[in-house]
Amino acid sequence: MSGPSKIALFIDGANLYATAKSLNFDIDYKRLLGEFQSRGTLLRAFYYTAIIEDQEYSSIRPLIDWLDYNGYTVVTKATKEFIDASGRRKVKGNMDIELAVDAMELAEHIDQMVLFSGDGDFRPLVEAVQRRGVRVTVISTIVSQPPMIADELRRQADVFTDLIELQAKIGRSPSERPASRERESRYRSQVPERETTPAAKGNDSVLEG
């Protein structure tokens, strides 16, 4: 292959947020961009997230604005709220179709696709992109219990990278974390609910490294 590898990032915002939280660290999106710019020619860095349109203040909005002005292509759509069978308010905002369409359109222009998601629904997309000669790296985690990545997606990927392995390169230092727990809880309300559990016992030594 002549010249540097042409790379595109596809970030499932809600999934990456939940995965990083399960590993107890925050993503530094400036460092994340720099990391992949150093690996080749970064053509696009897509970030997908659903937002609650009718809220007077959305705590995810500052992040979206920052990403939009700092090298990311942000794709958003309004969430849908509903009440589940037990009477709890739920927020639904699936961005799978938007991500898949962008990936298929860009496939002929890239050598490498990096997907930040563990959602098994993306397996057919990964397979389709691979048929077009693109090498696919999937980033999620198997360290959490249960793992955040679907087994079928991990098997389909050319390369699987555990997010914990990137913590030193793309994690935000603890001193930079928002002090307000209230702000974090408001952010959590902006992303679709996913079943997450604390990272498996015995990971402390990994996290400290």
Foldseek 3Di string as FASTA:
>chain_A
DPFFFEEEEEEAALQLQQQCVLVPFAFAVLLVVVVVVVRGPYPAYEYEFEFAPPDPDALCVVVQVVQVVRGHDYDYYHWDWDADPVRDIFIDDDCVVVSLVVCVVCLLVGQEYEYEAQDPVCLVSLVVSVVNNHAYEYEGAPQAVNGRHDPSNCVSHPHYDYVLVCCVRGTDDPVPDDPDPVSVVSNNRTGGDDDGDHGDPPCPVSNVD
